[in-house]
Amino acid sequence: MKIIENRGGYIYAQNDNPYNFQEVIELAKEVASKCLAENQTKVLVNLSNMRGKLQPMDKFNLGVQGAMIFRKVAQVAVVYDKSQIDGFAETVAINRGMNTRIFSSLEAATEWLGVNVDTSG
């Protein structure tokens, strides 16, 4: 299931489908486009239910592509499976100018973004 919606203060995106590099990139492009159209500068991408193991090159390429796609967005918080988080994709994106962090919990992500969680969606 894919969701992209304005939650008043941030754009919320979710993808629960199995991992597919191109699908994640397309989601990022859709989210960035919505941010620009709706004048939002904060994004919460919830991939915590997305399954599949990312290889190091996928993490590298996601960091590179994410930095290019979200270059006009102030903050991007990503929630992902704790067992998959190693800091590599985050470091690649940050080194390319993206203001992003990857979290294992929705609460930590929203706290970093400075937004209130809307659980109605």
N, C-alpha and C. Protein backbone atom coordinates (compact mmCIF):
# COMPACT_ATOMS: atom_id res chain seq x y z
N MET A 1 0.85 -1.18 0.00
CA MET A 1 0.00 0.00 0.00
C MET A 1 0.89 1.24 0.00
N LYS A 2 0.53 2.21 -0.82
CA LYS A 2 1.26 3.46 -0.90
C LYS A 2 0.35 4.61 -0.50
N ILE A 3 0.88 5.50 0.33
CA ILE A 3 0.15 6.67 0.80
C ILE A 3 1.07 7.89 0.64
N ILE A 4 0.52 8.98 0.15
CA ILE A 4 1.21 10.27 0.14
C ILE A 4 0.14 11.31 0.46
N GLU A 5 0.32 11.99 1.62
CA GLU A 5 -0.70 12.97 2.01
C GLU A 5 -0.10 14.10 2.85
N ASN A 6 -0.75 15.23 2.77
CA ASN A 6 -0.38 16.39 3.58
C ASN A 6 -1.04 16.22 4.94
N ARG A 7 -0.23 16.23 5.98
CA ARG A 7 -0.77 16.08 7.33
C ARG A 7 -0.63 17.37 8.12
N GLY A 8 -0.67 18.49 7.43
CA GLY A 8 -0.65 19.78 8.11
C GLY A 8 0.67 20.02 8.81
N GLY A 9 1.63 20.54 8.13
CA GLY A 9 2.95 20.76 8.70
C GLY A 9 4.01 19.85 8.12
N TYR A 10 3.58 18.78 7.50
CA TYR A 10 4.52 17.86 6.84
C TYR A 10 3.78 16.97 5.84
N ILE A 11 4.56 16.42 4.92
CA ILE A 11 4.04 15.43 3.99
C ILE A 11 4.38 14.06 4.54
N TYR A 12 3.37 13.21 4.62
CA TYR A 12 3.54 11.84 5.08
C TYR A 12 3.48 10.91 3.87
N ALA A 13 4.46 10.02 3.79
CA ALA A 13 4.47 9.02 2.72
C ALA A 13 4.71 7.65 3.35
N GLN A 14 4.07 6.66 2.77
CA GLN A 14 4.22 5.29 3.27
C GLN A 14 4.21 4.34 2.10
N ASN A 15 5.07 3.32 2.17
CA ASN A 15 5.07 2.27 1.17
C ASN A 15 5.31 0.95 1.90
N ASP A 16 4.35 0.05 1.81
CA ASP A 16 4.45 -1.24 2.48
C ASP A 16 4.75 -2.37 1.50
N ASN A 17 4.94 -2.05 0.23
CA ASN A 17 5.24 -3.07 -0.77
C ASN A 17 6.65 -3.63 -0.54
N PRO A 18 6.93 -4.83 -1.04
CA PRO A 18 8.29 -5.35 -0.95
C PRO A 18 9.26 -4.38 -1.64
N TYR A 19 10.52 -4.35 -1.15
CA TYR A 19 11.51 -3.41 -1.67
C TYR A 19 11.73 -3.57 -3.16
N ASN A 20 11.67 -2.43 -3.85
CA ASN A 20 12.00 -2.33 -5.26
C ASN A 20 12.63 -0.95 -5.44
N PHE A 21 13.88 -0.92 -5.89
CA PHE A 21 14.62 0.34 -6.00
C PHE A 21 13.84 1.39 -6.78
N GLN A 22 13.36 1.03 -7.96
CA GLN A 22 12.68 2.01 -8.80
C GLN A 22 11.40 2.52 -8.15
N GLU A 23 10.70 1.65 -7.44
CA GLU A 23 9.47 2.06 -6.76
C GLU A 23 9.76 3.08 -5.65
N VAL A 24 10.86 2.88 -4.92
CA VAL A 24 11.23 3.81 -3.87
C VAL A 24 11.62 5.16 -4.48
N ILE A 25 12.33 5.15 -5.59
CA ILE A 25 12.71 6.40 -6.27
C ILE A 25 11.47 7.12 -6.78
N GLU A 26 10.53 6.41 -7.36
CA GLU A 26 9.29 7.03 -7.84
C GLU A 26 8.50 7.63 -6.68
N LEU A 27 8.44 6.93 -5.56
CA LEU A 27 7.77 7.46 -4.37
C LEU A 27 8.44 8.77 -3.94
N ALA A 28 9.76 8.78 -3.91
CA ALA A 28 10.49 9.99 -3.52
C ALA A 28 10.18 11.15 -4.46
N LYS A 29 10.12 10.89 -5.75
CA LYS A 29 9.81 11.95 -6.73
C LYS A 29 8.40 12.48 -6.53
N GLU A 30 7.46 11.59 -6.28
CA GLU A 30 6.07 12.02 -6.03
C GLU A 30 5.99 12.88 -4.77
N VAL A 31 6.69 12.46 -3.73
CA VAL A 31 6.68 13.20 -2.46
C VAL A 31 7.31 14.57 -2.64
N ALA A 32 8.45 14.65 -3.31
CA ALA A 32 9.11 15.93 -3.54
C ALA A 32 8.23 16.87 -4.36
N SER A 33 7.55 16.33 -5.34
CA SER A 33 6.63 17.12 -6.16
C SER A 33 5.48 17.67 -5.32
N LYS A 34 4.94 16.85 -4.44
CA LYS A 34 3.85 17.28 -3.56
C LYS A 34 4.34 18.36 -2.60
N CYS A 35 5.56 18.22 -2.10
CA CYS A 35 6.14 19.24 -1.22
C CYS A 35 6.19 20.59 -1.92
N LEU A 36 6.69 20.59 -3.14
CA LEU A 36 6.79 21.85 -3.89
C LEU A 36 5.42 22.43 -4.19
N ALA A 37 4.48 21.58 -4.61
CA ALA A 37 3.13 22.04 -4.95
C ALA A 37 2.39 22.59 -3.74
N GLU A 38 2.65 22.03 -2.56
CA GLU A 38 1.91 22.42 -1.36
C GLU A 38 2.75 23.22 -0.37
N ASN A 39 3.92 23.67 -0.83
CA ASN A 39 4.81 24.52 -0.04
C ASN A 39 5.13 23.92 1.33
N GLN A 40 5.48 22.64 1.33
CA GLN A 40 5.87 21.94 2.56
C GLN A 40 7.38 21.68 2.53
N THR A 41 8.01 21.77 3.67
CA THR A 41 9.46 21.57 3.74
C THR A 41 9.87 20.42 4.65
N LYS A 42 8.90 19.70 5.18
CA LYS A 42 9.19 18.56 6.05
C LYS A 42 8.49 17.33 5.52
N VAL A 43 9.22 16.22 5.57
CA VAL A 43 8.70 14.96 5.04
C VAL A 43 8.97 13.83 6.03
N LEU A 44 7.97 12.98 6.17
CA LEU A 44 8.12 11.74 6.94
C LEU A 44 7.80 10.59 6.00
N VAL A 45 8.80 9.77 5.72
CA VAL A 45 8.63 8.61 4.84
C VAL A 45 8.67 7.36 5.71
N ASN A 46 7.56 6.66 5.77
CA ASN A 46 7.45 5.47 6.60
C ASN A 46 7.61 4.22 5.73
N LEU A 47 8.78 3.61 5.84
CA LEU A 47 9.06 2.37 5.11
C LEU A 47 9.25 1.21 6.09
N SER A 48 8.73 1.37 7.29
CA SER A 48 8.96 0.38 8.34
C SER A 48 8.38 -0.99 8.03
N ASN A 49 7.38 -1.05 7.16
CA ASN A 49 6.78 -2.34 6.81
C ASN A 49 7.23 -2.85 5.44
N MET A 50 8.13 -2.13 4.79
CA MET A 50 8.66 -2.56 3.51
C MET A 50 9.68 -3.68 3.76
N ARG A 51 9.52 -4.79 3.11
CA ARG A 51 10.39 -5.95 3.33
C ARG A 51 11.36 -6.13 2.17
N GLY A 52 12.48 -6.70 2.50
CA GLY A 52 13.51 -6.97 1.50
C GLY A 52 14.83 -6.40 1.98
N LYS A 53 15.90 -7.10 1.70
CA LYS A 53 17.22 -6.66 2.15
C LYS A 53 17.86 -5.78 1.09
N LEU A 54 18.29 -4.60 1.52
CA LEU A 54 18.97 -3.68 0.62
C LEU A 54 20.46 -4.00 0.60
N GLN A 55 21.01 -4.07 -0.59
CA GLN A 55 22.44 -4.29 -0.76
C GLN A 55 23.16 -2.94 -0.60
N PRO A 56 24.45 -2.97 -0.27
CA PRO A 56 25.19 -1.71 -0.10
C PRO A 56 25.07 -0.76 -1.29
N MET A 57 25.12 -1.27 -2.50
CA MET A 57 25.00 -0.37 -3.67
C MET A 57 23.62 0.27 -3.75
N ASP A 58 22.58 -0.47 -3.34
CA ASP A 58 21.24 0.11 -3.29
C ASP A 58 21.20 1.26 -2.29
N LYS A 59 21.80 1.05 -1.12
CA LYS A 59 21.83 2.09 -0.10
C LYS A 59 22.59 3.31 -0.61
N PHE A 60 23.70 3.07 -1.27
CA PHE A 60 24.48 4.18 -1.84
C PHE A 60 23.65 4.94 -2.87
N ASN A 61 23.05 4.21 -3.80
CA ASN A 61 22.26 4.86 -4.85
C ASN A 61 21.03 5.56 -4.31
N LEU A 62 20.40 5.00 -3.28
CA LEU A 62 19.25 5.67 -2.66
C LEU A 62 19.70 6.98 -2.00
N GLY A 63 20.87 6.97 -1.36
CA GLY A 63 21.40 8.20 -0.76
C GLY A 63 21.69 9.26 -1.80
N VAL A 64 22.31 8.86 -2.90
CA VAL A 64 22.63 9.81 -3.99
C VAL A 64 21.35 10.37 -4.61
N GLN A 65 20.44 9.46 -4.99
CA GLN A 65 19.19 9.88 -5.62
C GLN A 65 18.33 10.72 -4.68
N GLY A 66 18.26 10.29 -3.41
CA GLY A 66 17.48 11.04 -2.43
C GLY A 66 17.97 12.46 -2.29
N ALA A 67 19.27 12.65 -2.25
CA ALA A 67 19.83 14.00 -2.12
C ALA A 67 19.47 14.86 -3.32
N MET A 68 19.46 14.28 -4.51
CA MET A 68 19.08 15.04 -5.71
C MET A 68 17.58 15.35 -5.71
N ILE A 69 16.78 14.36 -5.39
CA ILE A 69 15.32 14.52 -5.44
C ILE A 69 14.83 15.51 -4.39
N PHE A 70 15.38 15.43 -3.18
CA PHE A 70 14.89 16.25 -2.08
C PHE A 70 15.75 17.50 -1.83
N ARG A 71 16.46 17.97 -2.83
CA ARG A 71 17.36 19.12 -2.63
C ARG A 71 16.65 20.40 -2.19
N LYS A 72 15.35 20.51 -2.47
CA LYS A 72 14.61 21.72 -2.08
C LYS A 72 13.73 21.51 -0.85
N VAL A 73 13.86 20.36 -0.22
CA VAL A 73 13.08 20.05 0.98
C VAL A 73 14.00 20.20 2.18
N ALA A 74 13.51 20.86 3.24
CA ALA A 74 14.35 21.16 4.39
C ALA A 74 14.71 19.93 5.21
N GLN A 75 13.76 19.07 5.50
CA GLN A 75 14.00 17.92 6.38
C GLN A 75 13.26 16.69 5.88
N VAL A 76 13.95 15.57 5.85
CA VAL A 76 13.34 14.31 5.46
C VAL A 76 13.69 13.26 6.50
N ALA A 77 12.67 12.78 7.20
CA ALA A 77 12.85 11.69 8.17
C ALA A 77 12.33 10.41 7.54
N VAL A 78 13.12 9.36 7.66
CA VAL A 78 12.73 8.06 7.12
C VAL A 78 12.63 7.08 8.28
N VAL A 79 11.54 6.32 8.32
CA VAL A 79 11.38 5.27 9.32
C VAL A 79 11.54 3.94 8.59
N TYR A 80 12.43 3.12 9.12
CA TYR A 80 12.76 1.88 8.44
C TYR A 80 12.99 0.76 9.45
N ASP A 81 13.05 -0.45 8.98
CA ASP A 81 13.27 -1.63 9.81
C ASP A 81 14.62 -1.51 10.53
N LYS A 82 14.57 -1.56 11.85
CA LYS A 82 15.77 -1.36 12.68
C LYS A 82 16.92 -2.29 12.28
N SER A 83 16.60 -3.52 11.91
CA SER A 83 17.65 -4.48 11.57
C SER A 83 18.38 -4.12 10.27
N GLN A 84 17.80 -3.24 9.48
CA GLN A 84 18.40 -2.84 8.20
C GLN A 84 19.19 -1.53 8.29
N ILE A 85 19.03 -0.79 9.37
CA ILE A 85 19.66 0.53 9.47
C ILE A 85 21.13 0.38 9.88
N ASP A 86 22.01 0.88 9.03
CA ASP A 86 23.44 0.85 9.34
C ASP A 86 24.10 2.22 9.16
N GLY A 87 23.32 3.21 8.76
CA GLY A 87 23.84 4.56 8.61
C GLY A 87 24.45 4.88 7.26
N PHE A 88 24.60 3.88 6.41
CA PHE A 88 25.28 4.11 5.13
C PHE A 88 24.49 5.04 4.20
N ALA A 89 23.23 4.73 3.93
CA ALA A 89 22.42 5.56 3.04
C ALA A 89 22.29 6.98 3.60
N GLU A 90 22.08 7.07 4.90
CA GLU A 90 21.97 8.38 5.55
C GLU A 90 23.25 9.19 5.37
N THR A 91 24.40 8.58 5.58
CA THR A 91 25.67 9.28 5.43
C THR A 91 25.89 9.73 4.00
N VAL A 92 25.58 8.87 3.04
CA VAL A 92 25.72 9.23 1.62
C VAL A 92 24.86 10.44 1.30
N ALA A 93 23.61 10.44 1.75
CA ALA A 93 22.70 11.56 1.47
C ALA A 93 23.16 12.84 2.17
N ILE A 94 23.54 12.74 3.42
CA ILE A 94 24.00 13.92 4.17
C ILE A 94 25.25 14.51 3.52
N ASN A 95 26.16 13.65 3.08
CA ASN A 95 27.38 14.13 2.42
C ASN A 95 27.10 14.85 1.11
N ARG A 96 25.91 14.66 0.58
CA ARG A 96 25.51 15.34 -0.66
C ARG A 96 24.54 16.48 -0.40
N GLY A 97 24.43 16.88 0.85
CA GLY A 97 23.65 18.07 1.20
C GLY A 97 22.23 17.85 1.63
N MET A 98 21.80 16.63 1.78
CA MET A 98 20.42 16.37 2.19
C MET A 98 20.32 16.39 3.71
N ASN A 99 19.29 17.06 4.23
CA ASN A 99 19.03 17.10 5.66
C ASN A 99 18.09 15.95 5.98
N THR A 100 18.66 14.81 6.32
CA THR A 100 17.87 13.60 6.53
C THR A 100 18.40 12.79 7.69
N ARG A 101 17.52 12.00 8.27
CA ARG A 101 17.89 11.04 9.29
C ARG A 101 17.01 9.81 9.09
N ILE A 102 17.55 8.64 9.44
CA ILE A 102 16.81 7.40 9.35
C ILE A 102 16.58 6.89 10.76
N PHE A 103 15.33 6.58 11.07
CA PHE A 103 14.92 6.17 12.41
C PHE A 103 14.26 4.81 12.37
N SER A 104 14.22 4.15 13.52
CA SER A 104 13.50 2.89 13.62
C SER A 104 12.14 3.06 14.28
N SER A 105 11.81 4.30 14.69
CA SER A 105 10.48 4.53 15.28
C SER A 105 9.87 5.82 14.74
N LEU A 106 8.56 5.78 14.61
CA LEU A 106 7.80 6.93 14.15
C LEU A 106 7.94 8.09 15.13
N GLU A 107 7.95 7.78 16.42
CA GLU A 107 8.03 8.82 17.45
C GLU A 107 9.34 9.59 17.35
N ALA A 108 10.45 8.89 17.18
CA ALA A 108 11.75 9.56 17.07
C ALA A 108 11.82 10.41 15.80
N ALA A 109 11.24 9.91 14.71
CA ALA A 109 11.25 10.64 13.45
C ALA A 109 10.45 11.94 13.56
N THR A 110 9.25 11.86 14.15
CA THR A 110 8.44 13.07 14.26
C THR A 110 9.04 14.06 15.25
N GLU A 111 9.70 13.56 16.28
CA GLU A 111 10.38 14.45 17.22
C GLU A 111 11.50 15.22 16.52
N TRP A 112 12.29 14.53 15.71
CA TRP A 112 13.36 15.18 14.96
C TRP A 112 12.80 16.22 13.98
N LEU A 113 11.67 15.89 13.34
CA LEU A 113 11.05 16.82 12.41
C LEU A 113 10.40 18.00 13.14
N GLY A 114 10.04 17.80 14.40
CA GLY A 114 9.34 18.84 15.14
C GLY A 114 7.89 18.96 14.75
N VAL A 115 7.25 17.81 14.48
CA VAL A 115 5.84 17.80 14.08
C VAL A 115 5.05 16.87 14.98
N ASN A 116 3.74 17.07 15.00
CA ASN A 116 2.85 16.20 15.75
C ASN A 116 2.39 15.06 14.86
N VAL A 117 2.29 13.87 15.41
CA VAL A 117 1.87 12.71 14.66
C VAL A 117 0.37 12.75 14.45
N ASP A 118 -0.03 12.54 13.19
CA ASP A 118 -1.44 12.38 12.85
C ASP A 118 -1.63 10.92 12.53
N THR A 119 -2.25 10.18 13.41
CA THR A 119 -2.41 8.75 13.21
C THR A 119 -3.74 8.40 12.55
N SER A 120 -4.44 9.39 12.06
CA SER A 120 -5.76 9.12 11.47
C SER A 120 -5.66 8.51 10.08
N GLY A 121 -4.47 8.62 9.44
CA GLY A 121 -4.34 8.15 8.06
C GLY A 121 -3.96 6.78 7.90
